[in-house]
């Protein structure tokens, strides 16, 4: 995995930080960063309700650290069922989020490098698709599009145009339809 992270860092962003797996020691810094970046209502979002009480997908909690080791950005991916296929079988997928970068570091390419690393790691681990709720203007450059999630709905309020999907395996979401349901291990 270090090779993936190193190549992402080398191609995508300045060398003033390192992308790494999140450790237990990063939890407090991650939560403080998310509180600052997402505001006091972050836990009320539909995506957050899917994550509540669940563990993130194995190996898919990533952070960016500055040269002093401080967490300056974070992203995690979570197991979900993306509705069901034509045979009524659950469609396994990942839910990405939240992605957050310390406001003092915005515009340095850290979020983009973190996204590319998370996508590459999810693909390497054999996952078929990633879903998220976010700004299409930002996420389309990574291959996320609303049409991939057109037959899926979040279990709560969400803006249709901001509900996006990325297939890591071509056609993974073609037959997926229904409500997104948390499926990861319980915390």
N, C-alpha and C. Protein backbone atom coordinates (compact mmCIF):
# COMPACT_ATOMS: atom_id res chain seq x y z
N UNK A 1 0.83 -1.19 0.00
CA UNK A 1 0.00 0.00 0.00
C UNK A 1 0.86 1.24 0.00
N UNK A 2 2.02 1.20 0.63
CA UNK A 2 2.89 2.38 0.65
C UNK A 2 3.22 2.82 -0.77
N UNK A 3 3.36 1.86 -1.67
CA UNK A 3 3.66 2.22 -3.06
C UNK A 3 2.53 3.04 -3.65
N UNK A 4 1.28 2.67 -3.37
CA UNK A 4 0.14 3.43 -3.86
C UNK A 4 0.17 4.84 -3.29
N UNK A 5 0.36 4.96 -1.98
CA UNK A 5 0.37 6.27 -1.34
C UNK A 5 1.52 7.11 -1.87
N UNK A 6 2.71 6.53 -2.00
CA UNK A 6 3.85 7.29 -2.48
C UNK A 6 3.65 7.77 -3.90
N UNK A 7 3.06 6.93 -4.76
CA UNK A 7 2.84 7.36 -6.14
C UNK A 7 1.78 8.45 -6.20
N UNK A 8 0.75 8.34 -5.37
CA UNK A 8 -0.28 9.39 -5.33
C UNK A 8 0.34 10.69 -4.86
N UNK A 9 1.14 10.63 -3.80
CA UNK A 9 1.76 11.84 -3.28
C UNK A 9 2.70 12.45 -4.31
N UNK A 10 3.49 11.62 -4.96
CA UNK A 10 4.48 12.13 -5.89
C UNK A 10 3.82 12.79 -7.11
N UNK A 11 2.72 12.26 -7.56
CA UNK A 11 2.07 12.77 -8.76
C UNK A 11 1.13 13.92 -8.45
N UNK A 12 0.47 13.87 -7.30
CA UNK A 12 -0.68 14.73 -7.08
C UNK A 12 -0.46 15.95 -6.22
N UNK A 13 0.55 15.98 -5.39
CA UNK A 13 0.54 17.04 -4.41
C UNK A 13 1.93 17.35 -3.89
N UNK A 14 2.04 18.43 -3.13
CA UNK A 14 3.32 18.80 -2.55
C UNK A 14 3.79 17.75 -1.56
N UNK A 15 5.08 17.74 -1.29
CA UNK A 15 5.64 16.73 -0.39
C UNK A 15 5.65 17.20 1.06
N UNK A 16 4.84 18.19 1.42
CA UNK A 16 4.80 18.73 2.77
C UNK A 16 3.90 17.89 3.69
N UNK A 17 3.43 16.76 3.22
CA UNK A 17 2.60 15.89 4.03
C UNK A 17 2.74 14.46 3.53
N UNK A 18 2.26 13.54 4.34
CA UNK A 18 2.32 12.12 4.04
C UNK A 18 0.92 11.53 4.21
N UNK A 19 0.48 10.74 3.25
CA UNK A 19 -0.80 10.04 3.38
C UNK A 19 -0.52 8.68 4.01
N UNK A 20 -1.31 8.35 5.02
CA UNK A 20 -1.06 7.15 5.80
C UNK A 20 -2.39 6.58 6.28
N UNK A 21 -2.35 5.36 6.78
CA UNK A 21 -3.54 4.80 7.44
C UNK A 21 -3.72 5.49 8.78
N UNK A 22 -4.98 5.69 9.13
CA UNK A 22 -5.31 6.26 10.43
C UNK A 22 -4.96 5.26 11.52
N UNK A 23 -4.47 5.76 12.65
CA UNK A 23 -4.20 4.91 13.81
C UNK A 23 -5.11 5.32 14.95
N UNK A 24 -5.13 4.51 15.99
CA UNK A 24 -5.94 4.83 17.17
C UNK A 24 -5.55 6.19 17.75
N UNK A 25 -4.27 6.53 17.67
CA UNK A 25 -3.79 7.81 18.20
C UNK A 25 -4.31 9.01 17.41
N UNK A 26 -4.86 8.78 16.23
CA UNK A 26 -5.36 9.87 15.38
C UNK A 26 -6.82 10.22 15.64
N UNK A 27 -7.53 9.41 16.40
CA UNK A 27 -8.98 9.57 16.54
C UNK A 27 -9.37 10.95 17.07
N UNK A 28 -8.75 11.40 18.14
CA UNK A 28 -9.11 12.70 18.73
C UNK A 28 -8.84 13.84 17.74
N UNK A 29 -7.69 13.78 17.05
CA UNK A 29 -7.36 14.82 16.08
C UNK A 29 -8.33 14.78 14.90
N UNK A 30 -8.70 13.58 14.45
CA UNK A 30 -9.66 13.44 13.36
C UNK A 30 -11.01 14.05 13.74
N UNK A 31 -11.49 13.71 14.92
CA UNK A 31 -12.81 14.21 15.34
C UNK A 31 -12.80 15.73 15.49
N UNK A 32 -11.72 16.29 16.02
CA UNK A 32 -11.61 17.74 16.15
C UNK A 32 -11.59 18.40 14.77
N UNK A 33 -10.86 17.81 13.84
CA UNK A 33 -10.80 18.34 12.48
C UNK A 33 -12.18 18.29 11.83
N UNK A 34 -12.89 17.17 11.99
CA UNK A 34 -14.24 17.06 11.41
C UNK A 34 -15.20 18.06 12.03
N UNK A 35 -15.11 18.28 13.33
CA UNK A 35 -15.97 19.27 13.98
C UNK A 35 -15.72 20.66 13.41
N UNK A 36 -14.44 21.00 13.22
CA UNK A 36 -14.11 22.33 12.67
C UNK A 36 -14.57 22.45 11.21
N UNK A 37 -14.32 21.41 10.44
CA UNK A 37 -14.60 21.48 9.00
C UNK A 37 -16.09 21.34 8.68
N UNK A 38 -16.79 20.50 9.41
CA UNK A 38 -18.18 20.18 9.07
C UNK A 38 -19.21 20.92 9.91
N UNK A 39 -18.78 21.51 10.99
CA UNK A 39 -19.69 22.27 11.82
C UNK A 39 -20.46 21.43 12.82
N UNK A 40 -21.23 22.09 13.65
CA UNK A 40 -21.91 21.42 14.76
C UNK A 40 -23.04 20.47 14.34
N UNK A 41 -23.54 20.61 13.12
CA UNK A 41 -24.65 19.76 12.68
C UNK A 41 -24.19 18.54 11.89
N UNK A 42 -22.90 18.24 11.88
CA UNK A 42 -22.39 17.16 11.04
C UNK A 42 -22.97 15.80 11.37
N UNK A 43 -23.35 15.58 12.60
CA UNK A 43 -23.87 14.27 13.01
C UNK A 43 -25.35 14.07 12.65
N UNK A 44 -25.98 15.10 12.11
CA UNK A 44 -27.40 15.00 11.75
C UNK A 44 -27.62 14.60 10.29
N UNK A 45 -26.56 14.50 9.52
CA UNK A 45 -26.67 14.19 8.10
C UNK A 45 -27.02 12.72 7.89
N UNK A 46 -27.69 12.42 6.79
CA UNK A 46 -28.07 11.04 6.46
C UNK A 46 -26.86 10.13 6.38
N UNK A 47 -25.78 10.60 5.79
CA UNK A 47 -24.56 9.79 5.68
C UNK A 47 -24.03 9.43 7.06
N UNK A 48 -24.06 10.39 7.96
CA UNK A 48 -23.54 10.16 9.31
C UNK A 48 -24.39 9.13 10.03
N UNK A 49 -25.67 9.12 9.79
CA UNK A 49 -26.54 8.14 10.43
C UNK A 49 -26.21 6.72 9.97
N UNK A 50 -25.77 6.57 8.72
CA UNK A 50 -25.35 5.26 8.23
C UNK A 50 -24.05 4.80 8.88
N UNK A 51 -23.21 5.74 9.26
CA UNK A 51 -21.91 5.41 9.86
C UNK A 51 -22.02 5.18 11.37
N UNK A 52 -23.02 5.75 11.99
CA UNK A 52 -23.13 5.72 13.45
C UNK A 52 -23.13 4.27 13.97
N UNK A 53 -22.24 4.02 14.92
CA UNK A 53 -22.17 2.70 15.55
C UNK A 53 -21.50 1.64 14.70
N UNK A 54 -20.86 2.03 13.61
CA UNK A 54 -20.20 1.09 12.71
C UNK A 54 -18.70 1.36 12.66
N UNK A 55 -17.97 0.34 12.28
CA UNK A 55 -16.53 0.48 12.04
C UNK A 55 -16.32 0.80 10.57
N UNK A 56 -15.35 1.63 10.29
CA UNK A 56 -14.99 1.91 8.90
C UNK A 56 -14.46 0.63 8.26
N UNK A 57 -14.51 0.58 6.94
CA UNK A 57 -14.01 -0.58 6.21
C UNK A 57 -12.51 -0.78 6.50
N UNK A 58 -12.12 -2.01 6.61
CA UNK A 58 -10.73 -2.36 6.92
C UNK A 58 -9.76 -1.71 5.95
N UNK A 59 -8.76 -0.99 6.50
CA UNK A 59 -7.72 -0.37 5.70
C UNK A 59 -8.13 0.86 4.93
N UNK A 60 -9.36 1.35 5.15
CA UNK A 60 -9.85 2.47 4.37
C UNK A 60 -10.18 3.69 5.23
N UNK A 61 -9.41 3.87 6.30
CA UNK A 61 -9.43 5.10 7.09
C UNK A 61 -8.06 5.73 6.89
N UNK A 62 -8.03 6.83 6.17
CA UNK A 62 -6.76 7.45 5.79
C UNK A 62 -6.67 8.86 6.34
N UNK A 63 -5.44 9.27 6.60
CA UNK A 63 -5.17 10.64 7.04
C UNK A 63 -3.99 11.19 6.25
N UNK A 64 -3.92 12.50 6.20
CA UNK A 64 -2.73 13.19 5.71
C UNK A 64 -2.09 13.85 6.92
N UNK A 65 -0.80 13.65 7.08
CA UNK A 65 -0.05 14.23 8.20
C UNK A 65 0.95 15.25 7.65
N UNK A 66 1.13 16.34 8.39
CA UNK A 66 2.16 17.29 8.00
C UNK A 66 3.51 16.75 8.45
N UNK A 67 4.57 17.50 8.19
CA UNK A 67 5.92 17.03 8.51
C UNK A 67 6.12 16.82 10.01
N UNK A 68 5.30 17.46 10.83
CA UNK A 68 5.38 17.26 12.28
C UNK A 68 4.52 16.12 12.77
N UNK A 69 3.81 15.45 11.86
CA UNK A 69 2.97 14.32 12.24
C UNK A 69 1.53 14.68 12.57
N UNK A 70 1.18 15.96 12.50
CA UNK A 70 -0.18 16.40 12.82
C UNK A 70 -1.15 16.02 11.70
N UNK A 71 -2.34 15.54 12.07
CA UNK A 71 -3.37 15.19 11.09
C UNK A 71 -3.93 16.48 10.51
N UNK A 72 -3.81 16.62 9.17
CA UNK A 72 -4.30 17.81 8.48
C UNK A 72 -5.45 17.51 7.53
N UNK A 73 -5.76 16.22 7.33
CA UNK A 73 -6.87 15.82 6.48
C UNK A 73 -7.26 14.39 6.81
N UNK A 74 -8.51 14.05 6.52
CA UNK A 74 -9.01 12.72 6.83
C UNK A 74 -10.07 12.29 5.83
N UNK A 75 -10.15 10.99 5.60
CA UNK A 75 -11.24 10.39 4.84
C UNK A 75 -11.39 8.95 5.31
N UNK A 76 -12.63 8.48 5.34
CA UNK A 76 -12.91 7.08 5.68
C UNK A 76 -13.99 6.55 4.74
N UNK A 77 -13.96 5.24 4.54
CA UNK A 77 -14.97 4.56 3.74
C UNK A 77 -15.64 3.49 4.58
N UNK A 78 -16.92 3.28 4.32
CA UNK A 78 -17.77 2.42 5.15
C UNK A 78 -18.51 1.42 4.28
N UNK A 79 -18.70 0.21 4.81
CA UNK A 79 -19.48 -0.80 4.09
C UNK A 79 -20.97 -0.45 4.12
N UNK A 80 -21.60 -0.52 2.95
CA UNK A 80 -23.05 -0.35 2.83
C UNK A 80 -23.57 -1.35 1.81
N UNK A 81 -24.87 -1.53 1.81
CA UNK A 81 -25.55 -2.23 0.74
C UNK A 81 -26.22 -1.16 -0.11
N UNK A 82 -25.88 -1.17 -1.38
CA UNK A 82 -26.44 -0.19 -2.33
C UNK A 82 -27.70 -0.77 -2.94
N UNK A 83 -28.73 -0.89 -2.13
CA UNK A 83 -29.97 -1.48 -2.60
C UNK A 83 -29.78 -2.94 -2.95
N UNK A 84 -30.55 -3.39 -3.93
CA UNK A 84 -30.49 -4.79 -4.37
C UNK A 84 -30.39 -4.83 -5.89
N UNK A 85 -29.95 -5.98 -6.40
CA UNK A 85 -29.88 -6.16 -7.84
C UNK A 85 -31.20 -6.74 -8.37
N UNK A 86 -31.27 -7.10 -9.62
CA UNK A 86 -32.50 -7.61 -10.25
C UNK A 86 -33.00 -8.91 -9.62
N UNK A 87 -32.09 -9.65 -8.97
CA UNK A 87 -32.46 -10.91 -8.33
C UNK A 87 -32.81 -10.73 -6.86
N UNK A 88 -32.76 -9.47 -6.39
CA UNK A 88 -33.08 -9.19 -5.00
C UNK A 88 -31.92 -9.38 -4.05
N UNK A 89 -30.71 -9.54 -4.59
CA UNK A 89 -29.52 -9.71 -3.77
C UNK A 89 -28.91 -8.35 -3.44
N UNK A 90 -28.44 -8.17 -2.19
CA UNK A 90 -27.80 -6.89 -1.82
C UNK A 90 -26.58 -6.62 -2.69
N UNK A 91 -26.39 -5.34 -3.02
CA UNK A 91 -25.23 -4.90 -3.80
C UNK A 91 -24.24 -4.25 -2.83
N UNK A 92 -23.13 -4.92 -2.60
CA UNK A 92 -22.11 -4.39 -1.70
C UNK A 92 -21.44 -3.16 -2.31
N UNK A 93 -21.23 -2.16 -1.47
CA UNK A 93 -20.56 -0.93 -1.92
C UNK A 93 -19.90 -0.29 -0.70
N UNK A 94 -19.24 0.81 -0.95
CA UNK A 94 -18.64 1.62 0.11
C UNK A 94 -19.29 3.00 0.09
N UNK A 95 -19.38 3.60 1.26
CA UNK A 95 -19.84 4.99 1.40
C UNK A 95 -18.64 5.80 1.85
N UNK A 96 -18.29 6.81 1.10
CA UNK A 96 -17.12 7.63 1.42
C UNK A 96 -17.54 8.83 2.23
N UNK A 97 -16.76 9.10 3.27
CA UNK A 97 -16.97 10.34 3.98
C UNK A 97 -16.82 10.24 5.48
N UNK A 98 -16.73 11.37 6.05
CA UNK A 98 -16.50 12.62 5.33
C UNK A 98 -15.04 12.81 4.95
N UNK A 99 -14.82 13.58 3.92
CA UNK A 99 -13.50 14.04 3.52
C UNK A 99 -13.35 15.43 4.10
N UNK A 100 -12.29 15.67 4.84
CA UNK A 100 -12.08 17.00 5.42
C UNK A 100 -10.60 17.35 5.40
N UNK A 101 -10.33 18.61 5.12
CA UNK A 101 -8.96 19.15 5.12
C UNK A 101 -8.95 20.35 6.04
N UNK A 102 -7.93 20.46 6.87
CA UNK A 102 -7.79 21.61 7.75
C UNK A 102 -7.85 22.89 6.91
N UNK A 103 -8.61 23.87 7.36
CA UNK A 103 -8.82 25.09 6.57
C UNK A 103 -7.51 25.81 6.23
N UNK A 104 -6.51 25.68 7.07
CA UNK A 104 -5.22 26.32 6.80
C UNK A 104 -4.46 25.61 5.68
N UNK A 105 -4.90 24.42 5.30
CA UNK A 105 -4.23 23.62 4.26
C UNK A 105 -5.03 23.50 2.97
N UNK A 106 -6.20 24.12 2.91
CA UNK A 106 -7.02 24.02 1.71
C UNK A 106 -6.29 24.60 0.50
N UNK A 107 -6.56 24.03 -0.66
CA UNK A 107 -5.96 24.53 -1.89
C UNK A 107 -4.56 24.00 -2.16
N UNK A 108 -4.08 23.08 -1.35
CA UNK A 108 -2.74 22.53 -1.53
C UNK A 108 -2.76 21.15 -2.20
N UNK A 109 -3.94 20.67 -2.58
CA UNK A 109 -4.03 19.37 -3.24
C UNK A 109 -4.09 18.19 -2.29
N UNK A 110 -4.19 18.46 -1.00
CA UNK A 110 -4.19 17.38 -0.01
C UNK A 110 -5.47 16.55 -0.12
N UNK A 111 -6.62 17.20 -0.23
CA UNK A 111 -7.88 16.48 -0.35
C UNK A 111 -7.90 15.62 -1.60
N UNK A 112 -7.43 16.14 -2.71
CA UNK A 112 -7.40 15.38 -3.97
C UNK A 112 -6.48 14.18 -3.85
N UNK A 113 -5.33 14.37 -3.25
CA UNK A 113 -4.40 13.24 -3.08
C UNK A 113 -5.00 12.18 -2.15
N UNK A 114 -5.68 12.62 -1.10
CA UNK A 114 -6.32 11.69 -0.17
C UNK A 114 -7.43 10.92 -0.88
N UNK A 115 -8.22 11.60 -1.71
CA UNK A 115 -9.27 10.94 -2.50
C UNK A 115 -8.67 9.89 -3.42
N UNK A 116 -7.64 10.25 -4.14
CA UNK A 116 -7.02 9.30 -5.08
C UNK A 116 -6.46 8.09 -4.34
N UNK A 117 -5.87 8.32 -3.19
CA UNK A 117 -5.34 7.20 -2.41
C UNK A 117 -6.46 6.30 -1.91
N UNK A 118 -7.56 6.88 -1.44
CA UNK A 118 -8.69 6.09 -0.94
C UNK A 118 -9.31 5.27 -2.07
N UNK A 119 -9.49 5.87 -3.23
CA UNK A 119 -10.06 5.16 -4.38
C UNK A 119 -9.14 4.02 -4.81
N UNK A 120 -7.85 4.30 -4.89
CA UNK A 120 -6.89 3.27 -5.31
C UNK A 120 -6.86 2.11 -4.31
N UNK A 121 -6.89 2.42 -3.04
CA UNK A 121 -6.85 1.37 -2.01
C UNK A 121 -8.14 0.55 -2.04
N UNK A 122 -9.29 1.19 -2.21
CA UNK A 122 -10.55 0.46 -2.29
C UNK A 122 -10.55 -0.47 -3.50
N UNK A 123 -10.06 0.01 -4.62
CA UNK A 123 -9.99 -0.83 -5.82
C UNK A 123 -9.04 -2.00 -5.61
N UNK A 124 -7.90 -1.73 -5.02
CA UNK A 124 -6.91 -2.78 -4.76
C UNK A 124 -7.48 -3.85 -3.82
N UNK A 125 -8.35 -3.46 -2.93
CA UNK A 125 -8.96 -4.40 -1.99
C UNK A 125 -10.17 -5.13 -2.57
N UNK A 126 -10.48 -4.86 -3.84
CA UNK A 126 -11.52 -5.60 -4.54
C UNK A 126 -12.93 -5.07 -4.38
N UNK A 127 -13.11 -3.85 -3.91
CA UNK A 127 -14.45 -3.28 -3.79
C UNK A 127 -14.96 -2.87 -5.17
N UNK A 128 -16.28 -2.94 -5.35
CA UNK A 128 -16.87 -2.70 -6.67
C UNK A 128 -17.33 -1.28 -6.93
N UNK A 129 -17.69 -0.53 -5.86
CA UNK A 129 -18.23 0.81 -6.08
C UNK A 129 -18.12 1.63 -4.80
N UNK A 130 -18.10 2.94 -5.00
CA UNK A 130 -18.08 3.90 -3.88
C UNK A 130 -19.20 4.90 -4.12
N UNK A 131 -19.95 5.19 -3.08
CA UNK A 131 -21.01 6.20 -3.11
C UNK A 131 -20.63 7.33 -2.16
N UNK A 132 -21.18 8.51 -2.39
CA UNK A 132 -20.99 9.62 -1.47
C UNK A 132 -22.04 10.68 -1.71
N UNK A 133 -22.19 11.55 -0.74
CA UNK A 133 -23.03 12.74 -0.89
C UNK A 133 -22.07 13.92 -0.82
N UNK A 134 -21.97 14.67 -1.91
CA UNK A 134 -21.04 15.78 -1.95
C UNK A 134 -21.24 16.64 -3.18
N UNK A 135 -20.40 17.64 -3.31
CA UNK A 135 -20.49 18.58 -4.42
C UNK A 135 -20.02 17.93 -5.72
N UNK A 136 -20.91 17.79 -6.71
CA UNK A 136 -20.50 17.20 -7.98
C UNK A 136 -19.34 17.96 -8.62
N UNK A 137 -19.33 19.27 -8.44
CA UNK A 137 -18.27 20.09 -9.04
C UNK A 137 -16.89 19.68 -8.52
N UNK A 138 -16.81 19.14 -7.34
CA UNK A 138 -15.54 18.67 -6.78
C UNK A 138 -15.28 17.20 -7.14
N UNK A 139 -16.27 16.36 -6.94
CA UNK A 139 -16.06 14.91 -7.02
C UNK A 139 -16.10 14.33 -8.43
N UNK A 140 -16.66 15.04 -9.41
CA UNK A 140 -16.68 14.50 -10.76
C UNK A 140 -15.28 14.28 -11.32
N UNK A 141 -14.31 15.07 -10.91
CA UNK A 141 -12.94 14.88 -11.42
C UNK A 141 -12.34 13.55 -10.99
N UNK A 142 -12.93 12.92 -9.98
CA UNK A 142 -12.46 11.60 -9.54
C UNK A 142 -13.30 10.47 -10.14
N UNK A 143 -14.29 10.83 -10.96
CA UNK A 143 -15.12 9.82 -11.61
C UNK A 143 -16.46 9.57 -10.96
N UNK A 144 -16.85 10.39 -9.98
CA UNK A 144 -18.15 10.24 -9.32
C UNK A 144 -19.22 11.00 -10.11
N UNK A 145 -20.35 10.32 -10.39
CA UNK A 145 -21.42 10.94 -11.13
C UNK A 145 -22.77 10.53 -10.56
N UNK A 146 -23.74 11.44 -10.65
CA UNK A 146 -25.08 11.19 -10.13
C UNK A 146 -25.79 10.06 -10.86
N UNK A 147 -25.52 9.87 -12.14
CA UNK A 147 -26.23 8.83 -12.88
C UNK A 147 -25.90 7.43 -12.36
N UNK A 148 -24.77 7.25 -11.72
CA UNK A 148 -24.41 5.94 -11.16
C UNK A 148 -25.26 5.61 -9.93
N UNK A 149 -25.84 6.62 -9.30
CA UNK A 149 -26.67 6.41 -8.10
C UNK A 149 -28.14 6.72 -8.37
N UNK A 150 -28.51 6.80 -9.63
CA UNK A 150 -29.85 7.28 -10.00
C UNK A 150 -31.00 6.42 -9.46
N UNK A 151 -30.77 5.14 -9.23
CA UNK A 151 -31.84 4.27 -8.73
C UNK A 151 -31.70 3.97 -7.24
N UNK A 152 -30.85 4.72 -6.58
CA UNK A 152 -30.59 4.53 -5.15
C UNK A 152 -31.05 5.76 -4.38
N UNK A 153 -31.40 5.55 -3.11
CA UNK A 153 -31.78 6.67 -2.25
C UNK A 153 -31.12 6.51 -0.89
N UNK A 154 -30.88 7.63 -0.27
CA UNK A 154 -30.36 7.65 1.10
C UNK A 154 -31.52 7.48 2.07
N UNK A 155 -31.27 6.94 3.26
CA UNK A 155 -32.35 6.73 4.24
C UNK A 155 -32.65 7.99 5.05
N UNK A 156 -32.86 9.06 4.39
CA UNK A 156 -33.14 10.34 5.04
C UNK A 156 -32.99 11.43 4.01
N UNK A 157 -33.08 12.68 4.44
CA UNK A 157 -33.00 13.78 3.47
C UNK A 157 -31.65 13.83 2.77
N UNK A 158 -31.68 14.08 1.47
CA UNK A 158 -30.46 14.26 0.69
C UNK A 158 -30.84 14.97 -0.60
N UNK A 159 -29.85 15.64 -1.19
CA UNK A 159 -30.06 16.30 -2.47
C UNK A 159 -29.66 15.34 -3.58
N UNK A 160 -30.59 15.04 -4.47
CA UNK A 160 -30.36 14.06 -5.54
C UNK A 160 -29.10 14.38 -6.34
N UNK A 161 -28.90 15.62 -6.71
CA UNK A 161 -27.75 15.97 -7.55
C UNK A 161 -26.42 15.76 -6.84
N UNK A 162 -26.46 15.70 -5.49
CA UNK A 162 -25.23 15.52 -4.71
C UNK A 162 -24.97 14.06 -4.33
N UNK A 163 -25.86 13.16 -4.69
CA UNK A 163 -25.69 11.74 -4.39
C UNK A 163 -24.99 11.09 -5.59
N UNK A 164 -23.74 10.71 -5.40
CA UNK A 164 -22.86 10.33 -6.51
C UNK A 164 -22.31 8.92 -6.33
N UNK A 165 -21.99 8.31 -7.45
CA UNK A 165 -21.38 6.98 -7.42
C UNK A 165 -20.19 6.89 -8.34
N UNK A 166 -19.29 5.99 -7.98
CA UNK A 166 -18.11 5.67 -8.78
C UNK A 166 -18.01 4.15 -8.83
N UNK A 167 -18.00 3.59 -10.02
CA UNK A 167 -17.81 2.16 -10.16
C UNK A 167 -16.32 1.85 -10.26
N UNK A 168 -15.85 0.99 -9.38
CA UNK A 168 -14.47 0.51 -9.43
C UNK A 168 -14.40 -0.71 -10.34
N UNK A 169 -15.52 -1.38 -10.47
CA UNK A 169 -15.71 -2.49 -11.41
C UNK A 169 -16.84 -2.08 -12.34
N UNK A 170 -16.55 -2.05 -13.62
CA UNK A 170 -17.54 -1.58 -14.59
C UNK A 170 -18.85 -2.36 -14.47
N UNK A 171 -19.96 -1.60 -14.44
CA UNK A 171 -21.28 -2.18 -14.38
C UNK A 171 -21.75 -2.58 -12.99
N UNK A 172 -20.95 -2.35 -11.97
CA UNK A 172 -21.27 -2.78 -10.60
C UNK A 172 -22.61 -2.26 -10.12
N UNK A 173 -22.92 -1.02 -10.44
CA UNK A 173 -24.16 -0.40 -9.96
C UNK A 173 -25.29 -0.41 -10.99
N UNK A 174 -25.07 -1.03 -12.14
CA UNK A 174 -26.07 -0.98 -13.21
C UNK A 174 -27.46 -1.42 -12.77
N UNK A 175 -27.56 -2.49 -12.00
CA UNK A 175 -28.86 -3.01 -11.58
C UNK A 175 -29.24 -2.63 -10.16
N UNK A 176 -28.37 -1.89 -9.48
CA UNK A 176 -28.62 -1.55 -8.08
C UNK A 176 -29.78 -0.57 -7.95
N UNK A 177 -30.72 -0.89 -7.07
CA UNK A 177 -31.87 -0.02 -6.84
C UNK A 177 -32.35 -0.20 -5.40
N UNK A 178 -32.77 0.91 -4.79
CA UNK A 178 -33.31 0.84 -3.44
C UNK A 178 -32.62 1.77 -2.48
N UNK A 179 -32.82 1.50 -1.20
CA UNK A 179 -32.30 2.34 -0.12
C UNK A 179 -30.93 1.85 0.32
N UNK A 180 -30.03 2.79 0.57
CA UNK A 180 -28.71 2.48 1.10
C UNK A 180 -28.87 2.05 2.56
N UNK A 181 -28.21 0.94 2.91
CA UNK A 181 -28.29 0.39 4.26
C UNK A 181 -26.88 0.13 4.77
N UNK A 182 -26.61 0.48 6.01
CA UNK A 182 -25.30 0.18 6.62
C UNK A 182 -25.13 -1.32 6.71
N UNK A 183 -23.92 -1.80 6.41
CA UNK A 183 -23.67 -3.24 6.48
C UNK A 183 -22.35 -3.57 7.15
N UNK A 184 -21.59 -2.57 7.56
CA UNK A 184 -20.31 -2.82 8.18
C UNK A 184 -20.43 -3.36 9.59
N UNK A 185 -19.30 -3.82 10.10
CA UNK A 185 -19.26 -4.36 11.45
C UNK A 185 -19.63 -3.27 12.47
N UNK A 186 -20.30 -3.69 13.50
CA UNK A 186 -20.67 -2.75 14.56
C UNK A 186 -19.48 -2.41 15.43
N UNK A 187 -19.44 -1.17 15.86
CA UNK A 187 -18.32 -0.71 16.71
C UNK A 187 -18.47 -1.29 18.10
